[in-house]
Amino acid sequence: MKKLYLSQTDKKIAGIFGGLGERYEVDSTVLRVIAILLTIIAHIFPVVIVYLIAWIVIPKEKTIHF
Protein backbone atom coordinates (compact mmCIF):
# COMPACT_ATOMS: atom_id res chain seq x y z
CA MET A 1 0.00 0.00 0.00
CA LYS A 2 1.33 3.42 -0.97
CA LYS A 3 1.73 6.07 1.72
CA LEU A 4 0.88 9.72 1.30
CA TYR A 5 3.85 12.07 1.06
CA LEU A 6 4.41 15.62 -0.13
CA SER A 7 5.71 15.28 -3.67
CA GLN A 8 9.20 16.64 -4.31
CA THR A 9 8.85 16.35 -8.10
CA ASP A 10 5.24 17.40 -8.82
CA LYS A 11 4.68 20.50 -6.74
CA LYS A 12 3.61 24.09 -7.20
CA ILE A 13 3.62 25.24 -3.57
CA ALA A 14 3.98 22.42 -1.06
CA GLY A 15 3.52 19.24 -3.12
CA ILE A 16 0.21 18.24 -1.54
CA PHE A 17 -1.70 17.71 -4.78
CA GLY A 18 1.29 16.03 -6.40
CA GLY A 19 1.44 13.61 -3.48
CA LEU A 20 -2.30 12.98 -3.60
CA GLY A 21 -2.09 12.39 -7.34
CA GLU A 22 0.73 9.88 -6.93
CA ARG A 23 -1.05 8.12 -4.05
CA TYR A 24 -4.42 7.76 -5.78
CA GLU A 25 -3.11 7.63 -9.38
CA VAL A 26 -4.99 10.78 -10.43
CA ASP A 27 -3.64 13.69 -12.44
CA SER A 28 -2.55 16.36 -9.97
CA THR A 29 -3.80 19.11 -12.30
CA VAL A 30 -7.35 17.79 -11.94
CA LEU A 31 -6.98 17.89 -8.16
CA ARG A 32 -5.69 21.47 -8.33
CA VAL A 33 -8.64 22.57 -10.49
CA ILE A 34 -11.10 20.92 -8.08
CA ALA A 35 -9.41 22.70 -5.17
CA ILE A 36 -9.67 26.05 -6.95
CA LEU A 37 -13.36 25.48 -7.65
CA LEU A 38 -13.97 24.51 -4.03
CA THR A 39 -12.09 27.59 -2.91
CA ILE A 40 -14.34 29.82 -5.01
CA ILE A 41 -17.52 28.04 -3.89
CA ALA A 42 -16.57 27.86 -0.20
CA HIS A 43 -15.38 31.48 -0.08
CA ILE A 44 -11.66 30.63 0.23
CA PHE A 45 -11.21 30.37 4.02
CA PRO A 46 -12.01 26.67 4.77
CA VAL A 47 -10.01 25.32 1.83
CA VAL A 48 -6.95 27.40 2.71
CA ILE A 49 -7.08 26.18 6.33
CA VAL A 50 -7.32 22.53 5.21
CA TYR A 51 -4.40 23.07 2.79
CA LEU A 52 -2.21 24.57 5.51
CA ILE A 53 -3.05 21.75 7.93
CA ALA A 54 -2.24 19.15 5.25
CA TRP A 55 1.08 20.91 4.55
CA ILE A 56 2.01 20.56 8.22
CA VAL A 57 0.74 17.01 8.77
CA ILE A 58 1.78 15.16 5.58
CA PRO A 59 5.46 14.10 5.65
CA LYS A 60 7.87 14.92 2.83
CA GLU A 61 8.59 12.27 0.23
CA LYS A 62 11.78 10.36 0.90
CA THR A 63 14.28 10.85 -1.91
CA ILE A 64 17.05 8.44 -2.81
CA HIS A 65 20.30 9.98 -4.02
CA PHE A 66 22.69 7.94 -6.12
C-alpha atoms as a PDB file:
ATOM      1  CA  MET A   1       0.000   0.000   0.000  1.00  0.00           C
ATOM      2  CA  LYS A   2       1.330   3.423  -0.972  1.00  0.00           C
ATOM      3  CA  LYS A   3       1.730   6.070   1.716  1.00  0.00           C
ATOM      4  CA  LEU A   4       0.877   9.724   1.298  1.00  0.00           C
ATOM      5  CA  TYR A   5       3.848  12.071   1.060  1.00  0.00           C
ATOM      6  CA  LEU A   6       4.411  15.625  -0.125  1.00  0.00           C
ATOM      7  CA  SER A   7       5.714  15.279  -3.672  1.00  0.00           C
ATOM      8  CA  GLN A   8       9.197  16.642  -4.306  1.00  0.00           C
ATOM      9  CA  THR A   9       8.850  16.348  -8.099  1.00  0.00           C
ATOM     10  CA  ASP A  10       5.240  17.400  -8.822  1.00  0.00           C
ATOM     11  CA  LYS A  11       4.678  20.500  -6.745  1.00  0.00           C
ATOM     12  CA  LYS A  12       3.607  24.090  -7.198  1.00  0.00           C
ATOM     13  CA  ILE A  13       3.622  25.243  -3.569  1.00  0.00           C
ATOM     14  CA  ALA A  14       3.977  22.416  -1.057  1.00  0.00           C
ATOM     15  CA  GLY A  15       3.519  19.238  -3.122  1.00  0.00           C
ATOM     16  CA  ILE A  16       0.210  18.240  -1.536  1.00  0.00           C
ATOM     17  CA  PHE A  17      -1.696  17.712  -4.778  1.00  0.00           C
ATOM     18  CA  GLY A  18       1.292  16.028  -6.401  1.00  0.00           C
ATOM     19  CA  GLY A  19       1.444  13.614  -3.480  1.00  0.00           C
ATOM     20  CA  LEU A  20      -2.304  12.976  -3.595  1.00  0.00           C
ATOM     21  CA  GLY A  21      -2.090  12.391  -7.340  1.00  0.00           C
ATOM     22  CA  GLU A  22       0.726   9.879  -6.930  1.00  0.00           C
ATOM     23  CA  ARG A  23      -1.045   8.120  -4.047  1.00  0.00           C
ATOM     24  CA  TYR A  24      -4.421   7.758  -5.777  1.00  0.00           C
ATOM     25  CA  GLU A  25      -3.115   7.626  -9.383  1.00  0.00           C
ATOM     26  CA  VAL A  26      -4.990  10.778 -10.426  1.00  0.00           C
ATOM     27  CA  ASP A  27      -3.635  13.692 -12.438  1.00  0.00           C
ATOM     28  CA  SER A  28      -2.548  16.363  -9.970  1.00  0.00           C
ATOM     29  CA  THR A  29      -3.797  19.108 -12.300  1.00  0.00           C
ATOM     30  CA  VAL A  30      -7.350  17.787 -11.942  1.00  0.00           C
ATOM     31  CA  LEU A  31      -6.976  17.895  -8.157  1.00  0.00           C
ATOM     32  CA  ARG A  32      -5.694  21.468  -8.327  1.00  0.00           C
ATOM     33  CA  VAL A  33      -8.636  22.575 -10.488  1.00  0.00           C
ATOM     34  CA  ILE A  34     -11.097  20.917  -8.081  1.00  0.00           C
ATOM     35  CA  ALA A  35      -9.414  22.704  -5.166  1.00  0.00           C
ATOM     36  CA  ILE A  36      -9.666  26.051  -6.952  1.00  0.00           C
ATOM     37  CA  LEU A  37     -13.360  25.484  -7.653  1.00  0.00           C
ATOM     38  CA  LEU A  38     -13.971  24.505  -4.026  1.00  0.00           C
ATOM     39  CA  THR A  39     -12.091  27.591  -2.906  1.00  0.00           C
ATOM     40  CA  ILE A  40     -14.341  29.820  -5.005  1.00  0.00           C
ATOM     41  CA  ILE A  41     -17.518  28.045  -3.894  1.00  0.00           C
ATOM     42  CA  ALA A  42     -16.566  27.863  -0.203  1.00  0.00           C
ATOM     43  CA  HIS A  43     -15.375  31.481  -0.082  1.00  0.00           C
ATOM     44  CA  ILE A  44     -11.658  30.625   0.226  1.00  0.00           C
ATOM     45  CA  PHE A  45     -11.214  30.365   4.019  1.00  0.00           C
ATOM     46  CA  PRO A  46     -12.015  26.673   4.770  1.00  0.00           C
ATOM     47  CA  VAL A  47     -10.009  25.324   1.826  1.00  0.00           C
ATOM     48  CA  VAL A  48      -6.949  27.399   2.709  1.00  0.00           C
ATOM     49  CA  ILE A  49      -7.076  26.179   6.328  1.00  0.00           C
ATOM     50  CA  VAL A  50      -7.317  22.528   5.214  1.00  0.00           C
ATOM     51  CA  TYR A  51      -4.404  23.068   2.788  1.00  0.00           C
ATOM     52  CA  LEU A  52      -2.211  24.571   5.506  1.00  0.00           C
ATOM     53  CA  ILE A  53      -3.048  21.752   7.930  1.00  0.00           C
ATOM     54  CA  ALA A  54      -2.245  19.151   5.255  1.00  0.00           C
ATOM     55  CA  TRP A  55       1.076  20.911   4.550  1.00  0.00           C
ATOM     56  CA  ILE A  56       2.013  20.563   8.221  1.00  0.00           C
ATOM     57  CA  VAL A  57       0.739  17.005   8.772  1.00  0.00           C
ATOM     58  CA  ILE A  58       1.780  15.156   5.583  1.00  0.00           C
ATOM     59  CA  PRO A  59       5.464  14.100   5.655  1.00  0.00           C
ATOM     60  CA  LYS A  60       7.869  14.922   2.829  1.00  0.00           C
ATOM     61  CA  GLU A  61       8.594  12.274   0.229  1.00  0.00           C
ATOM     62  CA  LYS A  62      11.784  10.361   0.896  1.00  0.00           C
ATOM     63  CA  THR A  63      14.280  10.852  -1.910  1.00  0.00           C
ATOM     64  CA  ILE A  64      17.046   8.441  -2.807  1.00  0.00           C
ATOM     65  CA  HIS A  65      20.302   9.984  -4.024  1.00  0.00           C
ATOM     66  CA  PHE A  66      22.693   7.938  -6.123  1.00  0.00           C
END
